[in-house]
Amino acid sequence: MAYYALKGLAVLWLRASLTDALTMMEQDPALRQGQADTEIEPTNEAEHDRLDTRVTYKERSDLEVDELEQHNQVYHRAGQLLGGSQNMRHSKHILEFVLSHPRAPVLPHGGCLYLPNDKVWASFYQHVEHPFPPLFVEMIANSYYPGCNETSLSGLRLPSPCGLESLRGSRGCFDVTSLGSTTGVKVYETHGHVGLPDKWSYHIKHATARQVKRSRGGATWGSRCGRVLPEVPKAARLEIPTRYVVCRRSDDDNSITEEHVREQNRWANEAFSGRSPWERMETGEEQPPAVDMQISFNLVNISIVTDSACAHDGFTHSQPLYKYNTNPEDYFTVVIITDDRSGILGQTEFPHLLPEDDPENMVVVSSRGFRGDAQRNRGDMMYDEGDTVVHEAGHGFGLYHTFEGGCSEFGGDDFVDDTEKESFPHYHCVSDRSCSGGADPVHNFMDYTPDTCMVGFTEGQKRRAWCELQNHRAILYHKSWKKL
């Protein structure tokens, strides 16, 4: 094994005793997933041995000031290797996001870092539509193997290899390619996922078909709203009758109260009126678009229910939530999941894909993305303002992600002409031009940036929201329509 490692022909730097115990025979080529694939495949996840108790490791916040420079250099150099490959741009962005996080794992000298290529990420977002970004920190710890042996920084064990330069995955063997070495770290491109956090792995394995998103670019199927969208009448507003359901695991869980719900609803109304606060970035950019959508949420009911199935698995199985969404054609329903096992911030179906009376017509949001929850419970402050509800409500009104279809000219987009294309979601507030056009719309509510970065919607998104509601939720539209 040492011979292959020195020649760069093997990616598993296993101890000799372990190597002797593993088969190195090639598998049926039909099982392999490599660069020749042309279609997005279901996520192929490395079959790790996941221990109940994980290994603790040093984090960025544990370092002294004089140690931070070395820590940052390891990440920056690894990012440079990733940036040298056109297939690894999203992994590079995620590594930069993790570096900025106070819980970023310290990567010891002399290890191997396995990160997926862009095609694997595209498949990932079919299954995990709105991931909770701080879990990328766990992913990096799971994906880094000190000494390039079989155990990760966090204690995960690599699956047995399928042969040279391949790993065994949930859907067959997948390729692993060396990108080079820097500052004592070897970086590899993987054609499957290595080190997915436990929660995302759980969601991928257990989510029902309706909780798996359609392929990128196919989300517009069935919509009566094309690229040419009618203007919104200036003398009208939509006051949407809105109800919130908070699913908690026990009666003594008071983490979200009726007062908190009212504050979240107030914030959503501010955002939809174009009054979300904005701070200029260091690049000196102009203030981004933030139109008045002429839509507001008229809070008509709050239900706080004790329902462990809803609180735990509302993202993987939506049927237990249906009983809280009776008469869905008459209301806009927001369900809050307080003890999520999926690691997701929010999940919402497009209205043009469902009948009006389908109970799936609801917004589902994790309490981690609910206004003030992080501050009250010492959580991650990046998503504390309450913009996750705003983002998911946008989906409920038929808006797509700004990164829908990526940079492809033929893979579809968000069907809004005044938002720039972007290759993948952004997780930190940086100026970028990922599709060689204008600046990526990182301040738009339909991206994945932190709440402090999100500012508003565009005129095109406003028109699309009104069109979708009028055509696909007509009962709710007419019930909400108010003349000014």
Protein backbone atom coordinates (compact mmCIF):
# COMPACT_ATOMS: atom_id res chain seq x y z
CA MET A 1 0.00 0.00 0.00
CA ALA A 2 2.85 2.35 0.76
CA TYR A 3 4.18 1.76 -2.76
CA TYR A 4 0.89 2.85 -4.36
CA ALA A 5 0.66 5.85 -2.09
CA LEU A 6 4.11 7.02 -3.09
CA LYS A 7 3.21 6.62 -6.74
CA GLY A 8 -0.04 8.51 -6.22
CA LEU A 9 -2.04 5.52 -7.45
CA ALA A 10 -4.05 4.87 -4.29
CA VAL A 11 -6.13 7.22 -2.22
CA LEU A 12 -6.61 5.08 0.87
CA TRP A 13 -3.52 5.36 3.01
CA LEU A 14 -4.50 2.49 5.26
CA ARG A 15 -2.38 0.79 7.86
CA ALA A 16 -0.77 -2.38 6.60
CA SER A 17 -2.74 -4.57 9.01
CA LEU A 18 -6.01 -3.15 7.72
CA THR A 19 -4.93 -3.43 4.10
CA ASP A 20 -4.27 -7.15 4.44
CA ALA A 21 -7.81 -7.63 5.69
CA LEU A 22 -9.53 -5.83 2.82
CA THR A 23 -10.21 -7.01 -0.67
CA MET A 24 -8.77 -4.85 -3.42
CA MET A 25 -10.62 -6.53 -6.27
CA GLU A 26 -12.39 -4.30 -8.82
CA GLN A 27 -16.18 -4.34 -8.84
CA ASP A 28 -18.52 -4.64 -11.82
CA PRO A 29 -17.90 -1.49 -13.94
CA ALA A 30 -21.66 -0.92 -14.01
CA LEU A 31 -21.47 -0.06 -10.32
CA ARG A 32 -18.84 2.63 -10.77
CA GLN A 33 -19.75 6.32 -10.99
CA GLY A 34 -17.04 8.48 -12.50
CA GLN A 35 -16.43 11.46 -14.73
CA ALA A 36 -18.07 9.80 -17.72
CA ASP A 37 -21.54 10.18 -16.18
CA THR A 38 -23.69 12.67 -18.04
CA GLU A 39 -26.86 12.63 -15.93
CA ILE A 40 -27.26 13.66 -12.31
CA GLU A 41 -27.27 10.49 -10.23
CA PRO A 42 -28.90 9.97 -6.84
CA THR A 43 -26.45 10.84 -4.08
CA ASN A 44 -23.81 8.14 -3.69
CA GLU A 45 -22.66 8.25 -0.08
CA ALA A 46 -19.56 6.51 1.26
CA GLU A 47 -20.54 3.64 3.56
CA HIS A 48 -18.84 4.88 6.71
CA ASP A 49 -18.72 3.11 10.01
CA ARG A 50 -20.51 5.79 12.08
CA LEU A 51 -19.75 5.46 15.77
CA ASP A 52 -22.28 6.59 18.39
CA THR A 53 -19.58 8.57 20.20
CA ARG A 54 -17.42 10.88 18.10
CA VAL A 55 -13.86 12.00 18.67
CA THR A 56 -13.45 15.56 19.96
CA TYR A 57 -11.07 17.77 18.01
CA LYS A 58 -9.60 21.25 18.29
CA GLU A 59 -11.71 24.07 16.82
CA ARG A 60 -10.81 27.52 15.53
CA SER A 61 -12.17 29.15 18.68
CA ASP A 62 -9.69 27.11 20.76
CA LEU A 63 -6.65 28.62 19.04
CA GLU A 64 -4.41 31.36 20.34
CA VAL A 65 -3.91 34.42 18.14
CA ASP A 66 -0.46 33.28 16.99
CA GLU A 67 -1.91 29.90 15.93
CA LEU A 68 -4.66 31.33 13.75
CA GLU A 69 -2.33 32.24 10.87
CA GLN A 70 -1.18 28.66 10.42
CA HIS A 71 -4.77 27.40 10.69
CA ASN A 72 -5.96 29.87 8.06
CA GLN A 73 -3.07 29.02 5.76
CA VAL A 74 -4.02 25.33 5.66
CA TYR A 75 -7.54 26.21 4.55
CA HIS A 76 -6.38 28.83 2.05
CA ARG A 77 -3.86 26.50 0.42
CA ALA A 78 -6.39 23.67 0.22
CA GLY A 79 -8.82 26.15 -1.31
CA GLN A 80 -6.25 27.06 -3.95
CA LEU A 81 -6.01 23.42 -4.99
CA LEU A 82 -9.79 23.22 -5.20
CA GLY A 83 -9.89 26.47 -7.18
CA GLY A 84 -7.54 24.96 -9.76
CA SER A 85 -10.31 22.57 -10.84
CA GLN A 86 -13.47 23.83 -12.56
CA ASN A 87 -15.34 20.87 -11.05
CA MET A 88 -14.60 21.86 -7.44
CA ARG A 89 -15.86 25.44 -7.16
CA HIS A 90 -18.67 24.66 -4.74
CA SER A 91 -16.45 22.64 -2.41
CA LYS A 92 -14.03 25.58 -2.44
CA HIS A 93 -16.86 27.94 -1.45
CA ILE A 94 -17.94 25.61 1.36
CA LEU A 95 -14.37 25.29 2.65
CA GLU A 96 -14.14 29.11 2.77
CA PHE A 97 -17.46 29.23 4.63
CA VAL A 98 -16.22 26.71 7.20
CA LEU A 99 -12.97 28.67 7.68
CA SER A 100 -15.05 31.71 8.68
CA HIS A 101 -16.96 29.72 11.28
CA PRO A 102 -15.77 29.81 14.93
CA ARG A 103 -16.19 26.02 15.15
CA ALA A 104 -14.06 25.30 12.09
CA PRO A 105 -12.00 22.14 12.77
CA VAL A 106 -8.24 22.56 13.01
CA LEU A 107 -6.70 20.28 10.37
CA PRO A 108 -3.50 18.66 11.72
CA HIS A 109 -0.43 18.55 9.49
CA GLY A 110 -0.17 15.45 7.32
CA GLY A 111 -3.69 14.34 6.37
CA CYS A 112 -6.10 13.71 3.50
CA LEU A 113 -9.14 15.84 2.71
CA TYR A 114 -11.89 14.30 0.55
CA LEU A 115 -14.41 16.70 -1.02
CA PRO A 116 -17.09 16.13 -3.70
CA ASN A 117 -17.14 17.67 -7.15
CA ASP A 118 -19.88 19.96 -8.43
CA LYS A 119 -21.86 17.16 -10.03
CA VAL A 120 -22.12 15.40 -6.66
CA TRP A 121 -23.27 18.64 -5.03
CA ALA A 122 -25.97 19.04 -7.71
CA SER A 123 -27.24 15.59 -6.77
CA PHE A 124 -27.04 16.44 -3.07
CA TYR A 125 -29.37 19.41 -3.49
CA GLN A 126 -32.01 17.14 -5.02
CA HIS A 127 -32.26 15.41 -1.65
CA VAL A 128 -31.35 18.09 0.89
CA GLU A 129 -32.96 21.20 -0.50
CA HIS A 130 -32.19 23.80 2.19
CA PRO A 131 -29.38 22.42 4.39
CA PHE A 132 -28.49 23.97 7.74
CA PRO A 133 -25.07 25.42 6.76
CA PRO A 134 -23.22 25.07 10.11
CA LEU A 135 -23.34 21.31 9.50
CA PHE A 136 -20.69 21.86 6.82
CA VAL A 137 -18.32 22.22 9.77
CA GLU A 138 -19.11 18.64 10.77
CA MET A 139 -18.70 17.56 7.15
CA ILE A 140 -15.14 18.91 6.96
CA ALA A 141 -14.22 17.15 10.22
CA ASN A 142 -15.74 13.94 8.84
CA SER A 143 -13.87 14.35 5.55
CA TYR A 144 -10.38 14.99 6.92
CA TYR A 145 -8.22 11.95 7.75
CA PRO A 146 -5.12 12.69 9.87
CA GLY A 147 -2.14 10.68 8.71
CA CYS A 148 -4.23 9.66 5.68
CA ASN A 149 -5.34 6.57 7.58
CA GLU A 150 -8.80 5.04 7.86
CA THR A 151 -10.22 7.19 10.71
CA SER A 152 -11.39 10.77 10.21
CA LEU A 153 -10.76 13.72 12.51
CA SER A 154 -14.24 13.17 13.99
CA GLY A 155 -13.95 9.39 14.29
CA LEU A 156 -15.69 8.17 11.14
CA ARG A 157 -14.06 5.19 9.46
CA LEU A 158 -13.65 4.93 5.71
CA PRO A 159 -15.48 2.10 3.96
CA SER A 160 -13.48 -0.71 2.42
CA PRO A 161 -12.08 0.22 -0.99
CA CYS A 162 -13.44 -1.13 -4.27
CA GLY A 163 -10.03 -1.02 -5.91
CA LEU A 164 -7.37 1.52 -6.67
CA GLU A 165 -8.63 5.11 -6.56
CA SER A 166 -12.20 4.22 -5.59
CA LEU A 167 -14.43 3.94 -2.54
CA ARG A 168 -17.47 1.83 -1.75
CA GLY A 169 -20.69 3.85 -1.67
CA SER A 170 -24.38 3.37 -1.03
CA ARG A 171 -25.06 3.15 -4.76
CA GLY A 172 -21.87 1.41 -5.86
CA CYS A 173 -18.22 2.31 -6.13
CA PHE A 174 -17.17 5.86 -6.96
CA ASP A 175 -13.91 7.38 -8.14
CA VAL A 176 -11.49 9.46 -6.08
CA THR A 177 -8.94 11.69 -7.82
CA SER A 178 -5.90 13.45 -6.34
CA LEU A 179 -5.79 17.24 -6.76
CA GLY A 180 -2.35 17.59 -5.18
CA SER A 181 -0.74 18.33 -1.84
CA THR A 182 -0.06 21.56 0.06
CA THR A 183 1.06 22.49 3.59
CA GLY A 184 1.00 18.85 4.57
CA VAL A 185 -2.57 18.26 3.36
CA LYS A 186 -3.48 16.05 0.41
CA VAL A 187 -6.73 17.08 -1.30
CA TYR A 188 -8.92 14.68 -3.28
CA GLU A 189 -11.91 15.13 -5.59
CA THR A 190 -14.58 12.53 -4.94
CA HIS A 191 -17.40 11.38 -7.25
CA GLY A 192 -19.55 10.55 -4.24
CA HIS A 193 -19.99 12.01 -0.78
CA VAL A 194 -17.40 11.33 1.92
CA GLY A 195 -18.26 12.52 5.42
CA LEU A 196 -21.86 13.67 5.13
CA PRO A 197 -23.11 14.82 8.55
CA ASP A 198 -25.32 12.33 10.38
CA LYS A 199 -28.47 14.43 9.95
CA TRP A 200 -28.15 14.85 6.19
CA SER A 201 -27.32 11.16 5.83
CA TYR A 202 -30.44 10.37 7.85
CA HIS A 203 -32.60 12.59 5.66
CA ILE A 204 -31.30 11.12 2.40
CA LYS A 205 -32.03 7.60 3.64
CA HIS A 206 -35.48 8.26 5.11
CA ALA A 207 -37.13 11.07 3.14
CA THR A 208 -40.22 10.07 1.20
CA ALA A 209 -40.43 10.76 -2.54
CA ARG A 210 -42.31 14.04 -2.13
CA GLN A 211 -39.53 15.37 0.07
CA VAL A 212 -36.96 14.89 -2.72
CA LYS A 213 -36.76 17.82 -5.10
CA ARG A 214 -37.20 17.49 -8.85
CA SER A 215 -34.07 17.89 -10.96
CA ARG A 216 -32.67 21.38 -11.35
CA GLY A 217 -34.25 23.16 -14.27
CA GLY A 218 -37.42 21.02 -14.16
CA ALA A 219 -39.16 22.94 -11.40
CA THR A 220 -41.20 25.07 -13.86
CA TRP A 221 -43.14 22.09 -15.19
CA GLY A 222 -46.88 22.72 -14.94
CA SER A 223 -46.68 26.46 -14.26
CA ARG A 224 -48.94 28.82 -16.19
CA CYS A 225 -46.46 31.63 -15.55
CA GLY A 226 -43.77 31.90 -18.21
CA ARG A 227 -40.92 34.34 -18.67
CA VAL A 228 -43.19 37.22 -19.72
CA LEU A 229 -45.03 38.22 -16.54
CA PRO A 230 -47.84 40.76 -16.16
CA GLU A 231 -47.37 43.88 -14.06
CA VAL A 232 -48.79 43.91 -10.56
CA PRO A 233 -51.70 46.36 -10.14
CA LYS A 234 -50.44 49.37 -8.20
CA ALA A 235 -53.71 49.93 -6.35
CA ALA A 236 -53.94 46.44 -4.82
CA ARG A 237 -52.36 44.27 -2.14
CA LEU A 238 -52.56 40.63 -1.14
CA GLU A 239 -53.23 40.21 2.59
CA ILE A 240 -52.66 36.49 2.96
CA PRO A 241 -54.58 34.78 5.81
CA THR A 242 -51.72 33.00 7.57
CA ARG A 243 -51.61 30.42 10.33
CA TYR A 244 -48.60 29.04 12.22
CA VAL A 245 -48.28 25.59 13.75
CA VAL A 246 -45.42 24.97 16.20
CA CYS A 247 -44.63 21.25 16.63
CA ARG A 248 -42.86 20.53 19.89
CA ARG A 249 -41.72 17.20 21.31
CA SER A 250 -43.11 17.66 24.84
CA ASP A 251 -45.52 19.86 26.77
CA ASP A 252 -42.72 21.55 28.72
CA ASP A 253 -40.96 22.79 25.55
CA ASN A 254 -41.60 26.54 25.46
CA SER A 255 -38.77 27.45 23.10
CA ILE A 256 -41.25 29.11 20.71
CA THR A 257 -44.20 30.98 22.15
CA GLU A 258 -47.10 32.87 20.58
CA GLU A 259 -45.18 36.09 21.17
CA HIS A 260 -42.22 34.71 19.19
CA VAL A 261 -44.54 33.75 16.33
CA ARG A 262 -46.03 37.25 16.18
CA GLU A 263 -42.53 38.72 16.03
CA GLN A 264 -41.55 36.34 13.22
CA ASN A 265 -44.67 37.29 11.27
CA ARG A 266 -43.92 41.00 11.77
CA TRP A 267 -40.41 40.46 10.40
CA ALA A 268 -41.74 38.59 7.36
CA ASN A 269 -44.08 41.49 6.62
CA GLU A 270 -41.16 43.93 6.84
CA ALA A 271 -39.16 41.80 4.41
CA PHE A 272 -42.01 41.50 1.90
CA SER A 273 -42.57 45.25 2.03
CA GLY A 274 -38.93 45.89 1.04
CA ARG A 275 -37.84 47.24 4.43
CA SER A 276 -35.28 44.60 5.47
CA PRO A 277 -32.09 46.25 6.82
CA TRP A 278 -28.93 46.24 4.70
CA GLU A 279 -25.29 47.03 5.45
CA ARG A 280 -22.91 47.91 2.62
CA MET A 281 -20.14 45.37 2.01
CA GLU A 282 -16.48 46.38 1.88
CA THR A 283 -16.60 46.21 -1.93
CA GLY A 284 -18.66 49.42 -1.98
CA GLU A 285 -21.53 47.89 -3.94
CA GLU A 286 -24.77 49.70 -4.62
CA GLN A 287 -27.84 48.89 -2.56
CA PRO A 288 -29.42 45.72 -3.94
CA PRO A 289 -33.06 45.47 -5.10
CA ALA A 290 -35.69 45.27 -2.37
CA VAL A 291 -39.12 45.97 -3.84
CA ASP A 292 -42.43 46.16 -2.03
CA MET A 293 -44.01 42.84 -3.01
CA GLN A 294 -47.47 44.22 -2.15
CA ILE A 295 -47.97 41.05 -0.14
CA SER A 296 -48.46 40.80 3.61
CA PHE A 297 -49.23 38.00 6.05
CA ASN A 298 -52.43 38.47 8.04
CA LEU A 299 -51.87 36.30 11.12
CA VAL A 300 -55.17 34.56 11.89
CA ASN A 301 -54.17 31.61 14.06
CA ILE A 302 -51.31 30.17 16.14
CA SER A 303 -51.31 26.53 17.27
CA ILE A 304 -48.64 25.12 19.57
CA VAL A 305 -49.00 21.33 19.53
CA THR A 306 -47.16 18.47 21.21
CA ASP A 307 -46.41 16.03 18.41
CA SER A 308 -43.07 14.23 18.46
CA ALA A 309 -43.52 12.78 14.94
CA CYS A 310 -43.99 16.28 13.53
CA ALA A 311 -41.24 17.76 15.70
CA HIS A 312 -38.68 15.08 14.74
CA ASP A 313 -39.48 14.04 11.18
CA GLY A 314 -41.60 16.75 9.59
CA PHE A 315 -39.00 17.14 6.86
CA THR A 316 -38.72 13.46 5.99
CA HIS A 317 -42.42 12.53 6.20
CA SER A 318 -44.91 15.32 5.63
CA GLN A 319 -48.09 13.27 6.03
CA PRO A 320 -48.19 13.63 9.85
CA LEU A 321 -48.39 17.40 9.25
CA TYR A 322 -51.48 17.23 7.04
CA LYS A 323 -53.89 17.25 9.97
CA TYR A 324 -52.66 20.76 10.81
CA ASN A 325 -53.32 22.03 7.29
CA THR A 326 -57.05 21.53 6.84
CA ASN A 327 -58.70 23.68 4.18
CA PRO A 328 -55.31 24.53 2.64
CA GLU A 329 -56.96 26.44 -0.20
CA ASP A 330 -58.12 29.09 2.31
CA TYR A 331 -54.89 29.62 4.30
CA PHE A 332 -51.15 29.99 4.02
CA THR A 333 -49.81 27.55 6.61
CA VAL A 334 -46.35 27.73 8.23
CA VAL A 335 -45.25 24.69 10.28
CA ILE A 336 -42.29 25.02 12.65
CA ILE A 337 -40.24 21.89 13.40
CA THR A 338 -38.54 22.24 16.80
CA ASP A 339 -36.51 19.01 17.12
CA ASP A 340 -35.52 18.22 13.54
CA ARG A 341 -33.47 15.11 12.75
CA SER A 342 -32.77 16.09 9.11
CA GLY A 343 -30.43 19.09 9.41
CA ILE A 344 -32.65 21.17 7.14
CA LEU A 345 -33.65 24.83 7.52
CA GLY A 346 -36.79 24.77 5.42
CA GLN A 347 -38.79 22.90 2.81
CA THR A 348 -41.72 24.02 0.67
CA GLU A 349 -43.44 22.75 -2.47
CA PHE A 350 -44.22 24.99 -5.46
CA PRO A 351 -47.93 25.82 -5.83
CA HIS A 352 -48.05 24.91 -9.53
CA LEU A 353 -47.12 21.31 -8.71
CA LEU A 354 -50.12 20.74 -6.42
CA PRO A 355 -53.90 21.10 -6.45
CA GLU A 356 -55.11 24.01 -4.34
CA ASP A 357 -56.67 21.72 -1.74
CA ASP A 358 -53.56 19.54 -1.33
CA PRO A 359 -52.38 19.63 2.32
CA GLU A 360 -48.80 19.64 1.01
CA ASN A 361 -49.38 23.34 0.29
CA MET A 362 -47.50 24.54 3.37
CA VAL A 363 -44.21 26.07 4.45
CA VAL A 364 -42.10 23.92 6.77
CA VAL A 365 -39.27 25.60 8.70
CA SER A 366 -36.84 24.45 11.36
CA SER A 367 -36.77 26.39 14.61
CA ARG A 368 -33.07 26.95 13.85
CA GLY A 369 -34.19 29.38 11.15
CA PHE A 370 -36.93 31.01 13.24
CA ARG A 371 -36.51 34.60 14.34
CA GLY A 372 -34.68 34.94 17.68
CA ASP A 373 -34.37 31.20 18.29
CA ALA A 374 -30.56 31.13 18.11
CA GLN A 375 -30.23 34.06 20.48
CA ARG A 376 -32.61 32.49 22.99
CA ASN A 377 -31.01 29.05 22.81
CA ARG A 378 -27.33 29.87 22.12
CA GLY A 379 -27.56 28.59 18.57
CA ASP A 380 -25.87 29.71 15.37
CA MET A 381 -26.60 33.41 14.90
CA MET A 382 -26.25 33.34 11.10
CA TYR A 383 -29.93 32.47 10.68
CA ASP A 384 -31.44 34.27 13.66
CA GLU A 385 -33.22 37.18 11.96
CA GLY A 386 -36.06 35.07 10.57
CA ASP A 387 -35.32 35.17 6.84
CA THR A 388 -35.74 31.40 6.49
CA VAL A 389 -39.51 31.89 6.76
CA VAL A 390 -39.24 34.66 4.14
CA HIS A 391 -37.25 32.39 1.79
CA GLU A 392 -39.62 29.45 2.16
CA ALA A 393 -42.67 31.69 1.75
CA GLY A 394 -41.10 32.75 -1.54
CA HIS A 395 -41.21 29.09 -2.64
CA GLY A 396 -44.81 28.92 -1.45
CA PHE A 397 -45.54 31.78 -3.87
CA GLY A 398 -43.80 29.98 -6.73
CA LEU A 399 -40.33 31.58 -6.60
CA TYR A 400 -37.30 29.48 -7.46
CA HIS A 401 -33.78 29.67 -6.12
CA THR A 402 -31.58 32.26 -7.77
CA PHE A 403 -29.16 29.41 -8.52
CA GLU A 404 -31.82 27.27 -10.22
CA GLY A 405 -30.20 25.59 -13.23
CA GLY A 406 -26.74 26.91 -12.39
CA CYS A 407 -24.85 28.60 -15.21
CA SER A 408 -26.32 26.41 -17.94
CA GLU A 409 -28.03 28.13 -20.84
CA PHE A 410 -30.19 25.06 -21.37
CA GLY A 411 -30.76 23.75 -17.82
CA GLY A 412 -33.42 26.26 -16.83
CA ASP A 413 -33.19 29.14 -14.39
CA ASP A 414 -35.45 30.98 -11.96
CA PHE A 415 -37.63 32.35 -14.81
CA VAL A 416 -36.95 35.88 -13.61
CA ASP A 417 -34.97 38.15 -15.91
CA ASP A 418 -33.73 40.62 -13.29
CA THR A 419 -31.74 38.14 -11.17
CA GLU A 420 -28.27 37.12 -12.34
CA LYS A 421 -27.44 33.46 -12.85
CA GLU A 422 -25.23 31.81 -10.24
CA SER A 423 -23.65 28.39 -10.27
CA PHE A 424 -24.53 27.19 -6.75
CA PRO A 425 -25.94 28.63 -3.52
CA HIS A 426 -23.82 31.00 -1.47
CA TYR A 427 -23.35 30.44 2.25
CA HIS A 428 -21.42 33.56 3.13
CA CYS A 429 -21.81 37.14 2.01
CA VAL A 430 -19.11 37.58 -0.64
CA SER A 431 -19.10 39.32 -3.99
CA ASP A 432 -18.76 36.76 -6.78
CA ARG A 433 -19.47 36.32 -10.49
CA SER A 434 -19.78 32.56 -10.71
CA CYS A 435 -21.44 32.51 -14.16
CA SER A 436 -19.24 35.12 -15.88
CA GLY A 437 -22.08 37.63 -15.97
CA GLY A 438 -23.16 40.18 -13.40
CA ALA A 439 -22.62 39.87 -9.67
CA ASP A 440 -24.24 36.86 -8.02
CA PRO A 441 -27.49 37.84 -6.24
CA VAL A 442 -26.21 37.06 -2.76
CA HIS A 443 -28.53 39.67 -1.22
CA ASN A 444 -31.66 38.08 -2.65
CA PHE A 445 -34.00 36.21 -0.32
CA MET A 446 -33.97 33.22 -2.68
CA ASP A 447 -30.26 32.47 -2.16
CA TYR A 448 -28.84 30.66 0.91
CA THR A 449 -26.71 33.45 2.39
CA PRO A 450 -26.88 34.37 6.11
CA ASP A 451 -29.83 36.49 7.21
CA THR A 452 -27.73 39.63 7.62
CA CYS A 453 -26.81 39.40 3.92
CA MET A 454 -30.35 38.94 2.58
CA VAL A 455 -32.20 42.14 1.72
CA GLY A 456 -35.06 41.73 -0.70
CA PHE A 457 -36.85 40.53 -3.81
CA THR A 458 -36.77 41.94 -7.35
CA GLU A 459 -39.57 43.32 -9.52
CA GLY A 460 -39.49 40.13 -11.60
CA GLN A 461 -39.90 37.97 -8.51
CA LYS A 462 -42.81 40.14 -7.41
CA ARG A 463 -44.56 39.60 -10.73
CA ARG A 464 -43.92 35.86 -10.64
CA ALA A 465 -45.29 35.55 -7.09
CA TRP A 466 -48.51 37.36 -8.03
CA CYS A 467 -48.87 35.32 -11.23
CA GLU A 468 -48.36 32.01 -9.42
CA LEU A 469 -50.87 32.88 -6.71
CA GLN A 470 -53.46 34.08 -9.21
CA ASN A 471 -53.12 30.99 -11.42
CA HIS A 472 -52.34 28.20 -8.98
CA ARG A 473 -53.81 29.32 -5.66
CA ALA A 474 -56.75 31.22 -7.07
CA ILE A 475 -59.03 30.78 -4.05
CA LEU A 476 -56.42 32.15 -1.66
CA TYR A 477 -55.54 34.91 -4.14
CA HIS A 478 -59.09 36.21 -4.40
CA LYS A 479 -59.63 35.87 -0.67
CA SER A 480 -56.46 37.94 -0.05
CA TRP A 481 -56.96 40.62 -2.74
CA LYS A 482 -57.49 44.12 -1.30
CA LYS A 483 -57.99 47.36 -3.18
CA LEU A 484 -56.01 50.30 -1.83
